[in-house]
Amino acid sequence: MTAPDVDIARRLALLRLPVKPLRPEATWVYPRTGELPLIYDCYALNVDGEDAVVCFLGMEVLQFPIVSVRDGTATDHGTSPVPGVHGLLVDGDRALLVGGYPPDFDVLTATSLGMGASGSDAVSRLIRPDGRELRQARRFCRGGTLYVFFDGTICATTTIDAPTTSGADPK
């Protein structure tokens, strides 16, 4: 246990409250088969209906595969056209990749999962309402919607159908 965990456990022991360890149950597990790349570090994860879609740094080679899983069956959509993607909007076979390694941390890139993820077009950049770079924002992707939180409020939202609205700047 880390120092804060030990401190909390000691305080609970003084109160004589039972300490029950947290053991979350897995509701979804990435299928480990011989033909799928192994995950070294997960960069983006999203859920669209019953599909989980993940973009990650693979263990075997330094690439970023995009894999979707439905009912325990995985589909490898190929390598992401943008390394270091940290957000992923999905809607059926369409995807919008959010960010990447600098200088592309704010680029939105459209791709199709149905035809493999290798073909793409950078469609826009996320910017502040005043036109400056949006570096210190938190981005969350849920299905086909991107939420951007900046300065304590929602600075921008966009959907996979309208990536150039509400704070997204066309390239």
C-alpha atoms as a PDB file:
ATOM      1  CA  MET A   1       0.000   0.000   0.000  1.00  0.00           C
ATOM      2  CA  THR A   2       1.098   3.557  -0.591  1.00  0.00           C
ATOM      3  CA  ALA A   3       1.625   5.994   2.284  1.00  0.00           C
ATOM      4  CA  PRO A   4      -1.845   7.623   2.019  1.00  0.00           C
ATOM      5  CA  ASP A   5      -3.467   4.171   1.913  1.00  0.00           C
ATOM      6  CA  VAL A   6      -1.590   3.093   5.055  1.00  0.00           C
ATOM      7  CA  ASP A   7      -2.635   6.306   6.834  1.00  0.00           C
ATOM      8  CA  ILE A   8      -6.297   5.753   5.938  1.00  0.00           C
ATOM      9  CA  ALA A   9      -6.123   2.118   7.046  1.00  0.00           C
ATOM     10  CA  ARG A  10      -4.637   3.185  10.428  1.00  0.00           C
ATOM     11  CA  ARG A  11      -7.378   5.781  10.957  1.00  0.00           C
ATOM     12  CA  LEU A  12     -10.078   3.240  10.150  1.00  0.00           C
ATOM     13  CA  ALA A  13      -8.449   0.748  12.545  1.00  0.00           C
ATOM     14  CA  LEU A  14      -8.616   3.348  15.342  1.00  0.00           C
ATOM     15  CA  LEU A  15     -12.334   3.750  14.670  1.00  0.00           C
ATOM     16  CA  ARG A  16     -12.640  -0.050  14.740  1.00  0.00           C
ATOM     17  CA  LEU A  17     -14.483  -0.008  11.420  1.00  0.00           C
ATOM     18  CA  PRO A  18     -14.161  -3.046   9.197  1.00  0.00           C
ATOM     19  CA  VAL A  19     -11.871  -2.460   6.240  1.00  0.00           C
ATOM     20  CA  LYS A  20     -13.069  -4.209   3.128  1.00  0.00           C
ATOM     21  CA  PRO A  21     -10.634  -4.232   0.204  1.00  0.00           C
ATOM     22  CA  LEU A  22     -11.996  -2.971  -3.076  1.00  0.00           C
ATOM     23  CA  ARG A  23     -12.093  -5.770  -5.645  1.00  0.00           C
ATOM     24  CA  PRO A  24     -13.867  -4.514  -8.737  1.00  0.00           C
ATOM     25  CA  GLU A  25     -15.336  -7.107 -11.052  1.00  0.00           C
ATOM     26  CA  ALA A  26     -14.251  -7.051 -14.671  1.00  0.00           C
ATOM     27  CA  THR A  27     -17.116  -6.153 -16.970  1.00  0.00           C
ATOM     28  CA  TRP A  28     -14.925  -6.205 -20.065  1.00  0.00           C
ATOM     29  CA  VAL A  29     -11.599  -7.877 -20.757  1.00  0.00           C
ATOM     30  CA  TYR A  30      -9.391  -7.361 -23.808  1.00  0.00           C
ATOM     31  CA  PRO A  31      -9.239 -10.758 -25.527  1.00  0.00           C
ATOM     32  CA  ARG A  32      -5.696 -12.099 -25.616  1.00  0.00           C
ATOM     33  CA  THR A  33      -5.347 -14.111 -28.755  1.00  0.00           C
ATOM     34  CA  GLY A  34      -2.287 -14.826 -30.866  1.00  0.00           C
ATOM     35  CA  GLU A  35      -3.389 -12.624 -33.753  1.00  0.00           C
ATOM     36  CA  LEU A  36      -4.076  -9.465 -31.707  1.00  0.00           C
ATOM     37  CA  PRO A  37      -1.337  -7.060 -30.607  1.00  0.00           C
ATOM     38  CA  LEU A  38      -0.660  -6.967 -26.870  1.00  0.00           C
ATOM     39  CA  ILE A  39      -1.340  -3.721 -25.019  1.00  0.00           C
ATOM     40  CA  TYR A  40       1.658  -1.968 -23.503  1.00  0.00           C
ATOM     41  CA  ASP A  41      -0.089   1.334 -22.696  1.00  0.00           C
ATOM     42  CA  CYS A  42      -3.698   2.342 -23.419  1.00  0.00           C
ATOM     43  CA  TYR A  43      -3.889   5.803 -24.969  1.00  0.00           C
ATOM     44  CA  ALA A  44      -7.609   6.005 -25.837  1.00  0.00           C
ATOM     45  CA  LEU A  45     -10.661   3.921 -24.966  1.00  0.00           C
ATOM     46  CA  ASN A  46     -14.258   4.546 -26.000  1.00  0.00           C
ATOM     47  CA  VAL A  47     -17.552   2.707 -26.056  1.00  0.00           C
ATOM     48  CA  ASP A  48     -20.076   2.906 -28.894  1.00  0.00           C
ATOM     49  CA  GLY A  49     -23.189   0.856 -28.150  1.00  0.00           C
ATOM     50  CA  GLU A  50     -21.940  -2.654 -27.433  1.00  0.00           C
ATOM     51  CA  ASP A  51     -18.502  -2.036 -28.973  1.00  0.00           C
ATOM     52  CA  ALA A  52     -15.404  -1.082 -27.024  1.00  0.00           C
ATOM     53  CA  VAL A  53     -12.767   0.602 -29.179  1.00  0.00           C
ATOM     54  CA  VAL A  54      -9.203   1.043 -27.997  1.00  0.00           C
ATOM     55  CA  CYS A  55      -6.079   2.699 -29.410  1.00  0.00           C
ATOM     56  CA  PHE A  56      -2.895   1.700 -27.634  1.00  0.00           C
ATOM     57  CA  LEU A  57       0.850   1.410 -27.778  1.00  0.00           C
ATOM     58  CA  GLY A  58       1.570  -2.164 -28.812  1.00  0.00           C
ATOM     59  CA  MET A  59       4.158  -4.290 -27.007  1.00  0.00           C
ATOM     60  CA  GLU A  60       5.767  -5.908 -30.034  1.00  0.00           C
ATOM     61  CA  VAL A  61       6.390  -2.788 -32.118  1.00  0.00           C
ATOM     62  CA  LEU A  62       6.022   0.896 -31.370  1.00  0.00           C
ATOM     63  CA  GLN A  63       2.803   1.325 -33.313  1.00  0.00           C
ATOM     64  CA  PHE A  64      -0.680   2.357 -32.279  1.00  0.00           C
ATOM     65  CA  PRO A  65      -3.218  -0.290 -33.329  1.00  0.00           C
ATOM     66  CA  ILE A  66      -6.947   0.426 -33.180  1.00  0.00           C
ATOM     67  CA  VAL A  67      -8.958  -2.590 -32.042  1.00  0.00           C
ATOM     68  CA  SER A  68     -12.702  -2.910 -31.444  1.00  0.00           C
ATOM     69  CA  VAL A  69     -14.312  -5.641 -29.354  1.00  0.00           C
ATOM     70  CA  ARG A  70     -17.934  -6.751 -29.502  1.00  0.00           C
ATOM     71  CA  ASP A  71     -19.315  -9.763 -27.640  1.00  0.00           C
ATOM     72  CA  GLY A  72     -15.770 -10.969 -26.924  1.00  0.00           C
ATOM     73  CA  THR A  73     -14.768 -10.888 -30.596  1.00  0.00           C
ATOM     74  CA  ALA A  74     -11.991  -8.469 -31.510  1.00  0.00           C
ATOM     75  CA  THR A  75     -11.357  -6.754 -34.831  1.00  0.00           C
ATOM     76  CA  ASP A  76      -7.962  -5.244 -35.571  1.00  0.00           C
ATOM     77  CA  HIS A  77      -8.515  -2.098 -37.679  1.00  0.00           C
ATOM     78  CA  GLY A  78      -4.850  -1.538 -38.379  1.00  0.00           C
ATOM     79  CA  THR A  79      -2.451   1.114 -37.192  1.00  0.00           C
ATOM     80  CA  SER A  80      -3.638   4.593 -36.271  1.00  0.00           C
ATOM     81  CA  PRO A  81      -2.499   7.175 -38.824  1.00  0.00           C
ATOM     82  CA  VAL A  82      -1.599   9.455 -35.903  1.00  0.00           C
ATOM     83  CA  PRO A  83       0.859   8.226 -33.240  1.00  0.00           C
ATOM     84  CA  GLY A  84       0.039   9.089 -29.655  1.00  0.00           C
ATOM     85  CA  VAL A  85      -3.719   9.591 -30.094  1.00  0.00           C
ATOM     86  CA  HIS A  86      -5.229  10.411 -26.699  1.00  0.00           C
ATOM     87  CA  GLY A  87      -8.906  10.526 -27.618  1.00  0.00           C
ATOM     88  CA  LEU A  88     -11.132   8.542 -29.932  1.00  0.00           C
ATOM     89  CA  LEU A  89     -14.685   9.328 -31.027  1.00  0.00           C
ATOM     90  CA  VAL A  90     -16.554   6.435 -32.588  1.00  0.00           C
ATOM     91  CA  ASP A  91     -19.833   6.063 -34.425  1.00  0.00           C
ATOM     92  CA  GLY A  92     -20.203   2.731 -36.178  1.00  0.00           C
ATOM     93  CA  ASP A  93     -17.326   2.440 -38.658  1.00  0.00           C
ATOM     94  CA  ARG A  94     -16.400   6.114 -38.432  1.00  0.00           C
ATOM     95  CA  ALA A  95     -13.801   7.446 -36.013  1.00  0.00           C
ATOM     96  CA  LEU A  96     -12.354  10.828 -35.146  1.00  0.00           C
ATOM     97  CA  LEU A  97      -8.900  10.642 -33.586  1.00  0.00           C
ATOM     98  CA  VAL A  98      -8.132  13.368 -31.048  1.00  0.00           C
ATOM     99  CA  GLY A  99      -4.608  14.676 -30.654  1.00  0.00           C
ATOM    100  CA  GLY A 100      -1.276  12.971 -30.946  1.00  0.00           C
ATOM    101  CA  TYR A 101       2.302  13.704 -30.066  1.00  0.00           C
ATOM    102  CA  PRO A 102       3.396  17.365 -30.315  1.00  0.00           C
ATOM    103  CA  PRO A 103       2.954  19.341 -32.435  1.00  0.00           C
ATOM    104  CA  ASP A 104      -0.274  17.436 -33.235  1.00  0.00           C
ATOM    105  CA  PHE A 105      -1.667  17.432 -29.675  1.00  0.00           C
ATOM    106  CA  ASP A 106      -4.739  19.379 -30.824  1.00  0.00           C
ATOM    107  CA  VAL A 107      -5.452  17.847 -34.258  1.00  0.00           C
ATOM    108  CA  LEU A 108      -8.739  16.081 -35.034  1.00  0.00           C
ATOM    109  CA  THR A 109      -8.228  13.359 -37.660  1.00  0.00           C
ATOM    110  CA  ALA A 110     -11.105  11.568 -39.395  1.00  0.00           C
ATOM    111  CA  THR A 111     -10.697   7.897 -40.318  1.00  0.00           C
ATOM    112  CA  SER A 112     -12.815   4.888 -41.202  1.00  0.00           C
ATOM    113  CA  LEU A 113     -12.588   1.749 -39.094  1.00  0.00           C
ATOM    114  CA  GLY A 114     -14.420  -0.319 -41.688  1.00  0.00           C
ATOM    115  CA  MET A 115     -11.659   0.041 -44.277  1.00  0.00           C
ATOM    116  CA  GLY A 116      -8.730  -0.058 -41.852  1.00  0.00           C
ATOM    117  CA  ALA A 117      -7.504   2.942 -39.922  1.00  0.00           C
ATOM    118  CA  SER A 118      -4.564   3.791 -42.168  1.00  0.00           C
ATOM    119  CA  GLY A 119      -6.392   6.228 -44.481  1.00  0.00           C
ATOM    120  CA  SER A 120      -7.241   9.579 -42.912  1.00  0.00           C
ATOM    121  CA  ASP A 121      -7.542  13.322 -43.229  1.00  0.00           C
ATOM    122  CA  ALA A 122      -6.735  15.883 -40.530  1.00  0.00           C
ATOM    123  CA  VAL A 123      -9.934  17.882 -40.475  1.00  0.00           C
ATOM    124  CA  SER A 124      -9.388  20.519 -37.803  1.00  0.00           C
ATOM    125  CA  ARG A 125      -7.548  21.710 -34.707  1.00  0.00           C
ATOM    126  CA  LEU A 126      -9.002  22.332 -31.266  1.00  0.00           C
ATOM    127  CA  ILE A 127      -8.403  25.934 -30.190  1.00  0.00           C
ATOM    128  CA  ARG A 128      -9.519  28.303 -27.447  1.00  0.00           C
ATOM    129  CA  PRO A 129     -12.444  30.604 -28.209  1.00  0.00           C
ATOM    130  CA  ASP A 130      -9.920  33.468 -28.576  1.00  0.00           C
ATOM    131  CA  GLY A 131      -7.972  31.495 -31.224  1.00  0.00           C
ATOM    132  CA  ARG A 132      -4.977  30.524 -29.084  1.00  0.00           C
ATOM    133  CA  GLU A 133      -3.721  26.949 -28.575  1.00  0.00           C
ATOM    134  CA  LEU A 134      -5.674  24.722 -26.220  1.00  0.00           C
ATOM    135  CA  ARG A 135      -2.879  22.945 -24.318  1.00  0.00           C
ATOM    136  CA  GLN A 136      -4.069  22.581 -20.725  1.00  0.00           C
ATOM    137  CA  ALA A 137      -7.512  21.186 -21.476  1.00  0.00           C
ATOM    138  CA  ARG A 138      -8.990  17.873 -20.400  1.00  0.00           C
ATOM    139  CA  ARG A 139     -10.656  15.945 -23.178  1.00  0.00           C
ATOM    140  CA  PHE A 140     -13.248  13.210 -22.757  1.00  0.00           C
ATOM    141  CA  CYS A 141     -14.737  11.104 -25.540  1.00  0.00           C
ATOM    142  CA  ARG A 142     -18.058   9.335 -25.151  1.00  0.00           C
ATOM    143  CA  GLY A 143     -19.358   7.532 -28.222  1.00  0.00           C
ATOM    144  CA  GLY A 144     -19.402  10.094 -31.023  1.00  0.00           C
ATOM    145  CA  THR A 145     -19.075  13.201 -28.800  1.00  0.00           C
ATOM    146  CA  LEU A 146     -15.937  15.024 -27.612  1.00  0.00           C
ATOM    147  CA  TYR A 147     -16.113  17.170 -24.466  1.00  0.00           C
ATOM    148  CA  VAL A 148     -13.328  19.666 -23.768  1.00  0.00           C
ATOM    149  CA  PHE A 149     -13.009  21.137 -20.270  1.00  0.00           C
ATOM    150  CA  PHE A 150     -10.956  24.305 -19.873  1.00  0.00           C
ATOM    151  CA  ASP A 151     -10.860  26.849 -17.020  1.00  0.00           C
ATOM    152  CA  GLY A 152     -13.511  24.932 -15.067  1.00  0.00           C
ATOM    153  CA  THR A 153     -16.173  24.909 -17.784  1.00  0.00           C
ATOM    154  CA  ILE A 154     -16.978  23.071 -20.967  1.00  0.00           C
ATOM    155  CA  CYS A 155     -14.984  25.032 -23.504  1.00  0.00           C
ATOM    156  CA  ALA A 156     -16.043  23.042 -26.549  1.00  0.00           C
ATOM    157  CA  THR A 157     -18.061  20.065 -27.599  1.00  0.00           C
ATOM    158  CA  THR A 158     -18.085  18.506 -30.982  1.00  0.00           C
ATOM    159  CA  THR A 159     -19.519  15.410 -32.541  1.00  0.00           C
ATOM    160  CA  ILE A 160     -18.132  13.086 -35.142  1.00  0.00           C
ATOM    161  CA  ASP A 161     -20.570  14.655 -37.624  1.00  0.00           C
ATOM    162  CA  ALA A 162     -19.534  18.262 -36.955  1.00  0.00           C
ATOM    163  CA  PRO A 163     -15.840  18.408 -36.023  1.00  0.00           C
ATOM    164  CA  THR A 164     -15.506  22.062 -36.999  1.00  0.00           C
ATOM    165  CA  THR A 165     -18.089  23.514 -34.584  1.00  0.00           C
ATOM    166  CA  SER A 166     -17.884  24.997 -31.076  1.00  0.00           C
ATOM    167  CA  GLY A 167     -14.189  25.671 -30.667  1.00  0.00           C
ATOM    168  CA  ALA A 168     -12.759  23.448 -33.381  1.00  0.00           C
ATOM    169  CA  ASP A 169     -10.905  25.366 -36.068  1.00  0.00           C
ATOM    170  CA  PRO A 170     -10.763  24.019 -39.645  1.00  0.00           C
ATOM    171  CA  LYS A 171      -7.235  23.420 -40.900  1.00  0.00           C
END
